[in-house]
PDB file of N, CA and C in Angstrom:
ATOM      1  N   MET A   1      -8.851 -18.426  17.292  1.00  0.00           N
ATOM      2  CA  MET A   1      -7.707 -17.833  16.618  1.00  0.00           C
ATOM      3  C   MET A   1      -6.487 -18.725  16.858  1.00  0.00           C
ATOM      4  N   THR A   2      -5.731 -18.996  15.834  1.00  0.00           N
ATOM      5  CA  THR A   2      -4.546 -19.824  15.982  1.00  0.00           C
ATOM      6  C   THR A   2      -3.387 -18.994  16.501  1.00  0.00           C
ATOM      7  N   SER A   3      -2.419 -19.684  17.096  1.00  0.00           N
ATOM      8  CA  SER A   3      -1.268 -18.960  17.644  1.00  0.00           C
ATOM      9  C   SER A   3      -0.464 -18.263  16.559  1.00  0.00           C
ATOM     10  N   ALA A   4      -0.532 -18.761  15.326  1.00  0.00           N
ATOM     11  CA  ALA A   4       0.220 -18.142  14.225  1.00  0.00           C
ATOM     12  C   ALA A   4      -0.315 -16.759  13.870  1.00  0.00           C
ATOM     13  N   THR A   5      -1.569 -16.476  14.170  1.00  0.00           N
ATOM     14  CA  THR A   5      -2.141 -15.184  13.798  1.00  0.00           C
ATOM     15  C   THR A   5      -2.211 -14.208  14.965  1.00  0.00           C
ATOM     16  N   ARG A   6      -1.906 -14.621  16.149  1.00  0.00           N
ATOM     17  CA  ARG A   6      -2.037 -13.741  17.313  1.00  0.00           C
ATOM     18  C   ARG A   6      -1.107 -12.550  17.288  1.00  0.00           C
ATOM     19  N   GLY A   7       0.048 -12.669  16.647  1.00  0.00           N
ATOM     20  CA  GLY A   7       0.999 -11.568  16.633  1.00  0.00           C
ATOM     21  C   GLY A   7       0.689 -10.498  15.595  1.00  0.00           C
ATOM     22  N   ILE A   8      -0.309 -10.711  14.769  1.00  0.00           N
ATOM     23  CA  ILE A   8      -0.648  -9.757  13.721  1.00  0.00           C
ATOM     24  C   ILE A   8      -1.725  -8.819  14.232  1.00  0.00           C
ATOM     25  N   GLY A   9      -1.405  -7.526  14.299  1.00  0.00           N
ATOM     26  CA  GLY A   9      -2.380  -6.548  14.743  1.00  0.00           C
ATOM     27  C   GLY A   9      -3.434  -6.298  13.685  1.00  0.00           C
ATOM     28  N   LYS A  10      -4.610  -5.925  14.112  1.00  0.00           N
ATOM     29  CA  LYS A  10      -5.700  -5.667  13.184  1.00  0.00           C
ATOM     30  C   LYS A  10      -5.882  -4.188  12.893  1.00  0.00           C
ATOM     31  N   SER A  11      -5.108  -3.341  13.510  1.00  0.00           N
ATOM     32  CA  SER A  11      -5.269  -1.906  13.330  1.00  0.00           C
ATOM     33  C   SER A  11      -4.849  -1.473  11.937  1.00  0.00           C
ATOM     34  N   VAL A  12      -5.662  -0.606  11.338  1.00  0.00           N
ATOM     35  CA  VAL A  12      -5.275  -0.030  10.046  1.00  0.00           C
ATOM     36  C   VAL A  12      -4.345   1.160  10.261  1.00  0.00           C
ATOM     37  N   HIS A  13      -4.032   1.482  11.505  1.00  0.00           N
ATOM     38  CA  HIS A  13      -3.218   2.655  11.810  1.00  0.00           C
ATOM     39  C   HIS A  13      -1.835   2.275  12.327  1.00  0.00           C
ATOM     40  N   SER A  14      -1.282   1.164  11.854  1.00  0.00           N
ATOM     41  CA  SER A  14       0.048   0.742  12.269  1.00  0.00           C
ATOM     42  C   SER A  14       1.117   1.514  11.485  1.00  0.00           C
ATOM     43  N   PRO A  15       2.340   1.552  11.988  1.00  0.00           N
ATOM     44  CA  PRO A  15       3.421   2.207  11.241  1.00  0.00           C
ATOM     45  C   PRO A  15       3.647   1.556   9.868  1.00  0.00           C
ATOM     46  N   ASP A  16       3.513   0.241   9.794  1.00  0.00           N
ATOM     47  CA  ASP A  16       3.678  -0.436   8.509  1.00  0.00           C
ATOM     48  C   ASP A  16       2.596  -0.015   7.520  1.00  0.00           C
ATOM     49  N   GLN A  17       1.370   0.117   7.992  1.00  0.00           N
ATOM     50  CA  GLN A  17       0.279   0.546   7.114  1.00  0.00           C
ATOM     51  C   GLN A  17       0.501   1.984   6.660  1.00  0.00           C
ATOM     52  N   ALA A  18       0.980   2.819   7.556  1.00  0.00           N
ATOM     53  CA  ALA A  18       1.268   4.213   7.185  1.00  0.00           C
ATOM     54  C   ALA A  18       2.351   4.264   6.106  1.00  0.00           C
ATOM     55  N   ALA A  19       3.378   3.407   6.239  1.00  0.00           N
ATOM     56  CA  ALA A  19       4.440   3.370   5.222  1.00  0.00           C
ATOM     57  C   ALA A  19       3.882   2.893   3.885  1.00  0.00           C
ATOM     58  N   PHE A  20       2.974   1.918   3.922  1.00  0.00           N
ATOM     59  CA  PHE A  20       2.349   1.445   2.688  1.00  0.00           C
ATOM     60  C   PHE A  20       1.547   2.563   2.029  1.00  0.00           C
ATOM     61  N   CYS A  21       0.795   3.308   2.822  1.00  0.00           N
ATOM     62  CA  CYS A  21       0.014   4.428   2.280  1.00  0.00           C
ATOM     63  C   CYS A  21       0.927   5.459   1.631  1.00  0.00           C
ATOM     64  N   GLU A  22       2.020   5.800   2.304  1.00  0.00           N
ATOM     65  CA  GLU A  22       2.978   6.754   1.749  1.00  0.00           C
ATOM     66  C   GLU A  22       3.574   6.245   0.442  1.00  0.00           C
ATOM     67  N   LEU A  23       3.870   4.956   0.400  1.00  0.00           N
ATOM     68  CA  LEU A  23       4.407   4.350  -0.814  1.00  0.00           C
ATOM     69  C   LEU A  23       3.422   4.480  -1.965  1.00  0.00           C
ATOM     70  N   MET A  24       2.151   4.206  -1.700  1.00  0.00           N
ATOM     71  CA  MET A  24       1.145   4.242  -2.757  1.00  0.00           C
ATOM     72  C   MET A  24       0.872   5.668  -3.230  1.00  0.00           C
ATOM     73  N   VAL A  25       0.872   6.616  -2.315  1.00  0.00           N
ATOM     74  CA  VAL A  25       0.712   8.022  -2.705  1.00  0.00           C
ATOM     75  C   VAL A  25       1.906   8.439  -3.570  1.00  0.00           C
ATOM     76  N   GLY A  26       3.100   8.065  -3.142  1.00  0.00           N
ATOM     77  CA  GLY A  26       4.299   8.412  -3.901  1.00  0.00           C
ATOM     78  C   GLY A  26       4.306   7.791  -5.287  1.00  0.00           C
ATOM     79  N   ALA A  27       3.849   6.552  -5.392  1.00  0.00           N
ATOM     80  CA  ALA A  27       3.797   5.879  -6.693  1.00  0.00           C
ATOM     81  C   ALA A  27       2.798   6.563  -7.618  1.00  0.00           C
ATOM     82  N   ARG A  28       1.667   6.972  -7.065  1.00  0.00           N
ATOM     83  CA  ARG A  28       0.666   7.672  -7.881  1.00  0.00           C
ATOM     84  C   ARG A  28       1.217   9.007  -8.374  1.00  0.00           C
ATOM     85  N   LYS A  29       1.837   9.746  -7.470  1.00  0.00           N
ATOM     86  CA  LYS A  29       2.386  11.045  -7.855  1.00  0.00           C
ATOM     87  C   LYS A  29       3.530  10.888  -8.849  1.00  0.00           C
ATOM     88  N   ALA A  30       4.356   9.853  -8.676  1.00  0.00           N
ATOM     89  CA  ALA A  30       5.456   9.600  -9.616  1.00  0.00           C
ATOM     90  C   ALA A  30       4.917   9.275 -11.006  1.00  0.00           C
ATOM     91  N   ALA A  31       3.732   8.677 -11.054  1.00  0.00           N
ATOM     92  CA  ALA A  31       3.093   8.376 -12.333  1.00  0.00           C
ATOM     93  C   ALA A  31       2.424   9.608 -12.929  1.00  0.00           C
ATOM     94  N   GLY A  32       2.406  10.699 -12.175  1.00  0.00           N
ATOM     95  CA  GLY A  32       1.807  11.940 -12.663  1.00  0.00           C
ATOM     96  C   GLY A  32       0.291  11.907 -12.703  1.00  0.00           C
ATOM     97  N   LEU A  33      -0.307  11.141 -11.804  1.00  0.00           N
ATOM     98  CA  LEU A  33      -1.761  10.991 -11.794  1.00  0.00           C
ATOM     99  C   LEU A  33      -2.386  11.608 -10.557  1.00  0.00           C
ATOM    100  N   THR A  34      -3.561  12.162 -10.729  1.00  0.00           N
ATOM    101  CA  THR A  34      -4.377  12.577  -9.591  1.00  0.00           C
ATOM    102  C   THR A  34      -5.156  11.363  -9.112  1.00  0.00           C
ATOM    103  N   GLN A  35      -5.755  11.492  -7.938  1.00  0.00           N
ATOM    104  CA  GLN A  35      -6.622  10.417  -7.456  1.00  0.00           C
ATOM    105  C   GLN A  35      -7.746  10.160  -8.457  1.00  0.00           C
ATOM    106  N   GLN A  36      -8.305  11.217  -9.009  1.00  0.00           N
ATOM    107  CA  GLN A  36      -9.409  11.077  -9.961  1.00  0.00           C
ATOM    108  C   GLN A  36      -8.964  10.333 -11.222  1.00  0.00           C
ATOM    109  N   ALA A  37      -7.796  10.676 -11.743  1.00  0.00           N
ATOM    110  CA  ALA A  37      -7.299  10.024 -12.956  1.00  0.00           C
ATOM    111  C   ALA A  37      -7.045   8.532 -12.718  1.00  0.00           C
ATOM    112  N   LEU A  38      -6.466   8.205 -11.554  1.00  0.00           N
ATOM    113  CA  LEU A  38      -6.231   6.803 -11.223  1.00  0.00           C
ATOM    114  C   LEU A  38      -7.555   6.066 -11.052  1.00  0.00           C
ATOM    115  N   ALA A  39      -8.497   6.702 -10.403  1.00  0.00           N
ATOM    116  CA  ALA A  39      -9.819   6.093 -10.214  1.00  0.00           C
ATOM    117  C   ALA A  39     -10.473   5.778 -11.551  1.00  0.00           C
ATOM    118  N   LEU A  40     -10.339   6.676 -12.508  1.00  0.00           N
ATOM    119  CA  LEU A  40     -10.896   6.434 -13.845  1.00  0.00           C
ATOM    120  C   LEU A  40     -10.252   5.212 -14.492  1.00  0.00           C
ATOM    121  N   ARG A  41      -8.941   5.084 -14.350  1.00  0.00           N
ATOM    122  CA  ARG A  41      -8.247   3.919 -14.912  1.00  0.00           C
ATOM    123  C   ARG A  41      -8.729   2.617 -14.277  1.00  0.00           C
ATOM    124  N   LEU A  42      -9.038   2.686 -12.988  1.00  0.00           N
ATOM    125  CA  LEU A  42      -9.464   1.491 -12.249  1.00  0.00           C
ATOM    126  C   LEU A  42     -10.975   1.250 -12.326  1.00  0.00           C
ATOM    127  N   LYS A  43     -11.685   2.228 -12.900  1.00  0.00           N
ATOM    128  CA  LYS A  43     -13.155   2.176 -12.943  1.00  0.00           C
ATOM    129  C   LYS A  43     -13.733   2.057 -11.529  1.00  0.00           C
ATOM    130  N   LYS A  44     -13.186   2.896 -10.662  1.00  0.00           N
ATOM    131  CA  LYS A  44     -13.609   2.983  -9.261  1.00  0.00           C
ATOM    132  C   LYS A  44     -13.889   4.448  -8.954  1.00  0.00           C
ATOM    133  N   PRO A  45     -14.630   4.709  -7.868  1.00  0.00           N
ATOM    134  CA  PRO A  45     -14.806   6.107  -7.462  1.00  0.00           C
ATOM    135  C   PRO A  45     -13.506   6.675  -6.887  1.00  0.00           C
ATOM    136  N   GLN A  46     -13.359   7.978  -6.959  1.00  0.00           N
ATOM    137  CA  GLN A  46     -12.167   8.638  -6.405  1.00  0.00           C
ATOM    138  C   GLN A  46     -12.020   8.325  -4.926  1.00  0.00           C
ATOM    139  N   SER A  47     -13.126   8.140  -4.232  1.00  0.00           N
ATOM    140  CA  SER A  47     -13.069   7.845  -2.795  1.00  0.00           C
ATOM    141  C   SER A  47     -12.353   6.521  -2.507  1.00  0.00           C
ATOM    142  N   PHE A  48     -12.369   5.585  -3.454  1.00  0.00           N
ATOM    143  CA  PHE A  48     -11.629   4.325  -3.291  1.00  0.00           C
ATOM    144  C   PHE A  48     -10.144   4.625  -3.109  1.00  0.00           C
ATOM    145  N   ILE A  49      -9.634   5.503  -3.956  1.00  0.00           N
ATOM    146  CA  ILE A  49      -8.214   5.883  -3.884  1.00  0.00           C
ATOM    147  C   ILE A  49      -7.938   6.637  -2.582  1.00  0.00           C
ATOM    148  N   ALA A  50      -8.789   7.603  -2.274  1.00  0.00           N
ATOM    149  CA  ALA A  50      -8.597   8.417  -1.068  1.00  0.00           C
ATOM    150  C   ALA A  50      -8.602   7.559   0.190  1.00  0.00           C
ATOM    151  N   LYS A  51      -9.463   6.559   0.230  1.00  0.00           N
ATOM    152  CA  LYS A  51      -9.565   5.725   1.433  1.00  0.00           C
ATOM    153  C   LYS A  51      -8.343   4.852   1.650  1.00  0.00           C
ATOM    154  N   TYR A  52      -7.799   4.242   0.597  1.00  0.00           N
ATOM    155  CA  TYR A  52      -6.613   3.416   0.855  1.00  0.00           C
ATOM    156  C   TYR A  52      -5.377   4.286   1.031  1.00  0.00           C
ATOM    157  N   GLU A  53      -5.304   5.422   0.351  1.00  0.00           N
ATOM    158  CA  GLU A  53      -4.151   6.312   0.546  1.00  0.00           C
ATOM    159  C   GLU A  53      -4.160   6.933   1.932  1.00  0.00           C
ATOM    160  N   GLY A  54      -5.337   7.165   2.469  1.00  0.00           N
ATOM    161  CA  GLY A  54      -5.455   7.759   3.797  1.00  0.00           C
ATOM    162  C   GLY A  54      -5.443   6.751   4.928  1.00  0.00           C
ATOM    163  N   GLY A  55      -5.371   5.469   4.593  1.00  0.00           N
ATOM    164  CA  GLY A  55      -5.317   4.433   5.616  1.00  0.00           C
ATOM    165  C   GLY A  55      -6.665   4.031   6.165  1.00  0.00           C
ATOM    166  N   GLU A  56      -7.736   4.518   5.553  1.00  0.00           N
ATOM    167  CA  GLU A  56      -9.080   4.189   6.030  1.00  0.00           C
ATOM    168  C   GLU A  56      -9.495   2.777   5.620  1.00  0.00           C
ATOM    169  N   ARG A  57      -8.925   2.288   4.530  1.00  0.00           N
ATOM    170  CA  ARG A  57      -9.181   0.911   4.098  1.00  0.00           C
ATOM    171  C   ARG A  57      -7.876   0.312   3.612  1.00  0.00           C
ATOM    172  N   ARG A  58      -7.822  -1.011   3.593  1.00  0.00           N
ATOM    173  CA  ARG A  58      -6.644  -1.721   3.112  1.00  0.00           C
ATOM    174  C   ARG A  58      -6.900  -2.277   1.723  1.00  0.00           C
ATOM    175  N   LEU A  59      -5.833  -2.440   0.979  1.00  0.00           N
ATOM    176  CA  LEU A  59      -5.914  -3.111  -0.314  1.00  0.00           C
ATOM    177  C   LEU A  59      -5.561  -4.574  -0.118  1.00  0.00           C
ATOM    178  N   ASP A  60      -6.329  -5.467  -0.761  1.00  0.00           N
ATOM    179  CA  ASP A  60      -5.888  -6.851  -0.750  1.00  0.00           C
ATOM    180  C   ASP A  60      -4.859  -7.024  -1.866  1.00  0.00           C
ATOM    181  N   VAL A  61      -4.280  -8.189  -1.982  1.00  0.00           N
ATOM    182  CA  VAL A  61      -3.199  -8.421  -2.931  1.00  0.00           C
ATOM    183  C   VAL A  61      -3.662  -8.192  -4.372  1.00  0.00           C
ATOM    184  N   VAL A  62      -4.843  -8.685  -4.707  1.00  0.00           N
ATOM    185  CA  VAL A  62      -5.358  -8.535  -6.069  1.00  0.00           C
ATOM    186  C   VAL A  62      -5.584  -7.055  -6.389  1.00  0.00           C
ATOM    187  N   GLU A  63      -6.131  -6.295  -5.437  1.00  0.00           N
ATOM    188  CA  GLU A  63      -6.341  -4.858  -5.637  1.00  0.00           C
ATOM    189  C   GLU A  63      -5.003  -4.133  -5.776  1.00  0.00           C
ATOM    190  N   PHE A  64      -4.026  -4.508  -4.946  1.00  0.00           N
ATOM    191  CA  PHE A  64      -2.705  -3.886  -5.006  1.00  0.00           C
ATOM    192  C   PHE A  64      -2.089  -4.063  -6.392  1.00  0.00           C
ATOM    193  N   ILE A  65      -2.181  -5.265  -6.934  1.00  0.00           N
ATOM    194  CA  ILE A  65      -1.625  -5.526  -8.265  1.00  0.00           C
ATOM    195  C   ILE A  65      -2.356  -4.702  -9.319  1.00  0.00           C
ATOM    196  N   ALA A  66      -3.672  -4.615  -9.212  1.00  0.00           N
ATOM    197  CA  ALA A  66      -4.451  -3.813 -10.174  1.00  0.00           C
ATOM    198  C   ALA A  66      -4.057  -2.345 -10.100  1.00  0.00           C
ATOM    199  N   VAL A  67      -3.866  -1.817  -8.897  1.00  0.00           N
ATOM    200  CA  VAL A  67      -3.467  -0.421  -8.732  1.00  0.00           C
ATOM    201  C   VAL A  67      -2.074  -0.213  -9.317  1.00  0.00           C
ATOM    202  N   ALA A  68      -1.144  -1.119  -9.007  1.00  0.00           N
ATOM    203  CA  ALA A  68       0.217  -0.993  -9.534  1.00  0.00           C
ATOM    204  C   ALA A  68       0.205  -0.990 -11.060  1.00  0.00           C
ATOM    205  N   ARG A  69      -0.563  -1.875 -11.647  1.00  0.00           N
ATOM    206  CA  ARG A  69      -0.639  -1.923 -13.117  1.00  0.00           C
ATOM    207  C   ARG A  69      -1.256  -0.646 -13.675  1.00  0.00           C
ATOM    208  N   ALA A  70      -2.266  -0.108 -13.004  1.00  0.00           N
ATOM    209  CA  ALA A  70      -2.884   1.145 -13.455  1.00  0.00           C
ATOM    210  C   ALA A  70      -1.901   2.300 -13.368  1.00  0.00           C
ATOM    211  N   LEU A  71      -0.938   2.195 -12.472  1.00  0.00           N
ATOM    212  CA  LEU A  71       0.111   3.202 -12.323  1.00  0.00           C
ATOM    213  C   LEU A  71       1.287   2.943 -13.264  1.00  0.00           C
ATOM    214  N   SER A  72       1.209   1.853 -14.038  1.00  0.00           N
ATOM    215  CA  SER A  72       2.327   1.403 -14.874  1.00  0.00           C
ATOM    216  C   SER A  72       3.571   1.169 -14.031  1.00  0.00           C
ATOM    217  N   ALA A  73       3.352   0.642 -12.829  1.00  0.00           N
ATOM    218  CA  ALA A  73       4.440   0.357 -11.897  1.00  0.00           C
ATOM    219  C   ALA A  73       4.540  -1.160 -11.710  1.00  0.00           C
ATOM    220  N   ASP A  74       5.725  -1.619 -11.406  1.00  0.00           N
ATOM    221  CA  ASP A  74       5.961  -3.028 -11.150  1.00  0.00           C
ATOM    222  C   ASP A  74       5.562  -3.322  -9.691  1.00  0.00           C
ATOM    223  N   PRO A  75       4.552  -4.166  -9.469  1.00  0.00           N
ATOM    224  CA  PRO A  75       4.135  -4.443  -8.092  1.00  0.00           C
ATOM    225  C   PRO A  75       5.254  -5.063  -7.253  1.00  0.00           C
ATOM    226  N   LEU A  76       6.128  -5.844  -7.872  1.00  0.00           N
ATOM    227  CA  LEU A  76       7.235  -6.439  -7.126  1.00  0.00           C
ATOM    228  C   LEU A  76       8.229  -5.378  -6.663  1.00  0.00           C
ATOM    229  N   LYS A  77       8.468  -4.381  -7.510  1.00  0.00           N
ATOM    230  CA  LYS A  77       9.382  -3.301  -7.123  1.00  0.00           C
ATOM    231  C   LYS A  77       8.773  -2.437  -6.021  1.00  0.00           C
ATOM    232  N   LEU A  78       7.466  -2.207  -6.102  1.00  0.00           N
ATOM    233  CA  LEU A  78       6.798  -1.454  -5.037  1.00  0.00           C
ATOM    234  C   LEU A  78       6.908  -2.200  -3.713  1.00  0.00           C
ATOM    235  N   MET A  79       6.645  -3.506  -3.749  1.00  0.00           N
ATOM    236  CA  MET A  79       6.719  -4.293  -2.520  1.00  0.00           C
ATOM    237  C   MET A  79       8.149  -4.347  -1.992  1.00  0.00           C
ATOM    238  N   ALA A  80       9.116  -4.472  -2.897  1.00  0.00           N
ATOM    239  CA  ALA A  80      10.517  -4.477  -2.471  1.00  0.00           C
ATOM    240  C   ALA A  80      10.889  -3.160  -1.796  1.00  0.00           C
ATOM    241  N   ALA A  81      10.388  -2.050  -2.324  1.00  0.00           N
ATOM    242  CA  ALA A  81      10.656  -0.744  -1.709  1.00  0.00           C
ATOM    243  C   ALA A  81      10.071  -0.688  -0.303  1.00  0.00           C
ATOM    244  N   LEU A  82       8.875  -1.238  -0.143  1.00  0.00           N
ATOM    245  CA  LEU A  82       8.245  -1.258   1.178  1.00  0.00           C
ATOM    246  C   LEU A  82       9.053  -2.126   2.136  1.00  0.00           C
ATOM    247  N   LEU A  83       9.445  -3.311   1.690  1.00  0.00           N
ATOM    248  CA  LEU A  83      10.174  -4.241   2.550  1.00  0.00           C
ATOM    249  C   LEU A  83      11.581  -3.761   2.876  1.00  0.00           C
ATOM    250  N   SER A  84      12.194  -3.024   1.963  1.00  0.00           N
ATOM    251  CA  SER A  84      13.557  -2.557   2.194  1.00  0.00           C
ATOM    252  C   SER A  84      13.606  -1.314   3.074  1.00  0.00           C
ATOM    253  N   GLY A  85      12.449  -0.705   3.259  1.00  0.00           N
ATOM    254  CA  GLY A  85      12.417   0.495   4.077  1.00  0.00           C
ATOM    255  C   GLY A  85      12.639   1.763   3.288  1.00  0.00           C
ATOM    256  N   SER A  86      12.733   1.674   1.971  1.00  0.00           N
ATOM    257  CA  SER A  86      12.967   2.885   1.182  1.00  0.00           C
ATOM    258  C   SER A  86      11.705   3.709   1.012  1.00  0.00           C
ATOM    259  N   ALA A  87      10.571   3.213   1.493  1.00  0.00           N
ATOM    260  CA  ALA A  87       9.344   4.012   1.493  1.00  0.00           C
ATOM    261  C   ALA A  87       9.440   4.973   2.671  1.00  0.00           C
ATOM    262  N   LYS A  88       9.821   6.211   2.401  1.00  0.00           N
ATOM    263  CA  LYS A  88       9.979   7.273   3.410  1.00  0.00           C
ATOM    264  C   LYS A  88      11.006   6.908   4.479  1.00  0.00           C
ATOM    265  N   GLY A  89      11.968   6.031   4.141  1.00  0.00           N
ATOM    266  CA  GLY A  89      13.059   5.729   5.054  1.00  0.00           C
ATOM    267  C   GLY A  89      12.681   4.905   6.269  1.00  0.00           C
ATOM    268  N   LYS A  90      11.522   4.294   6.285  1.00  0.00           N
ATOM    269  CA  LYS A  90      11.092   3.510   7.431  1.00  0.00           C
ATOM    270  C   LYS A  90      11.674   2.104   7.350  1.00  0.00           C
ATOM    271  N   SER A  91      11.972   1.529   8.483  1.00  0.00           N
ATOM    272  CA  SER A  91      12.467   0.165   8.519  1.00  0.00           C
ATOM    273  C   SER A  91      11.304  -0.800   8.370  1.00  0.00           C
ATOM    274  N   ARG A  92      11.427  -1.746   7.445  1.00  0.00           N
ATOM    275  CA  ARG A  92      10.356  -2.684   7.196  1.00  0.00           C
ATOM    276  C   ARG A  92      10.795  -4.119   7.442  1.00  0.00           C
ATOM    277  N   GLY A  93      11.857  -4.331   8.173  1.00  0.00           N
ATOM    278  CA  GLY A  93      12.330  -5.681   8.372  1.00  0.00           C
ATOM    279  C   GLY A  93      11.371  -6.508   9.197  1.00  0.00           C
ATOM    280  N   ALA A  94      11.310  -7.806   8.923  1.00  0.00           N
ATOM    281  CA  ALA A  94      10.447  -8.697   9.673  1.00  0.00           C
ATOM    282  C   ALA A  94      11.063  -8.953  11.042  1.00  0.00           C
ATOM    283  N   LYS A  95      10.215  -9.155  12.040  1.00  0.00           N
ATOM    284  CA  LYS A  95      10.700  -9.479  13.376  1.00  0.00           C
ATOM    285  C   LYS A  95      11.237 -10.890  13.386  1.00  0.00           C
ATOM    286  N   ARG A  96      12.325 -11.088  14.063  1.00  0.00           N
ATOM    287  CA  ARG A  96      12.972 -12.398  14.097  1.00  0.00           C
ATOM    288  C   ARG A  96      12.793 -13.024  15.479  1.00  0.00           C
ATOM    289  N   GLY A  97      12.830 -14.350  15.501  1.00  0.00           N
ATOM    290  CA  GLY A  97      12.854 -15.081  16.753  1.00  0.00           C
ATOM    291  C   GLY A  97      11.536 -15.144  17.496  1.00  0.00           C
ATOM    292  N   ALA A  98      10.422 -15.063  16.817  1.00  0.00           N
ATOM    293  CA  ALA A  98       9.116 -15.104  17.493  1.00  0.00           C
ATOM    294  C   ALA A  98       8.706 -16.496  17.800  1.00  0.00           C
TER     295      ALA A  98
END
């Protein structure tokens, strides 16, 4: 493992991951979709949605963009909301001076 990756935790249960899950649930609800309806748009099982919303699995970047598009949401705006901390008021600033 390189020193550049040592500071990144592997837990799917981090506060940042929880904020991401909350953001994605909020985006789905704002779009007026159930998990089942979103799953149909993505041609995935409903459990796919439940697992990433519940923090049981992570979305990679390509999956995140596909989900955002299925929600008719701008992926850049979703990411900006996460980074700015407006996802449930959590602070998302990057750590400085590492």
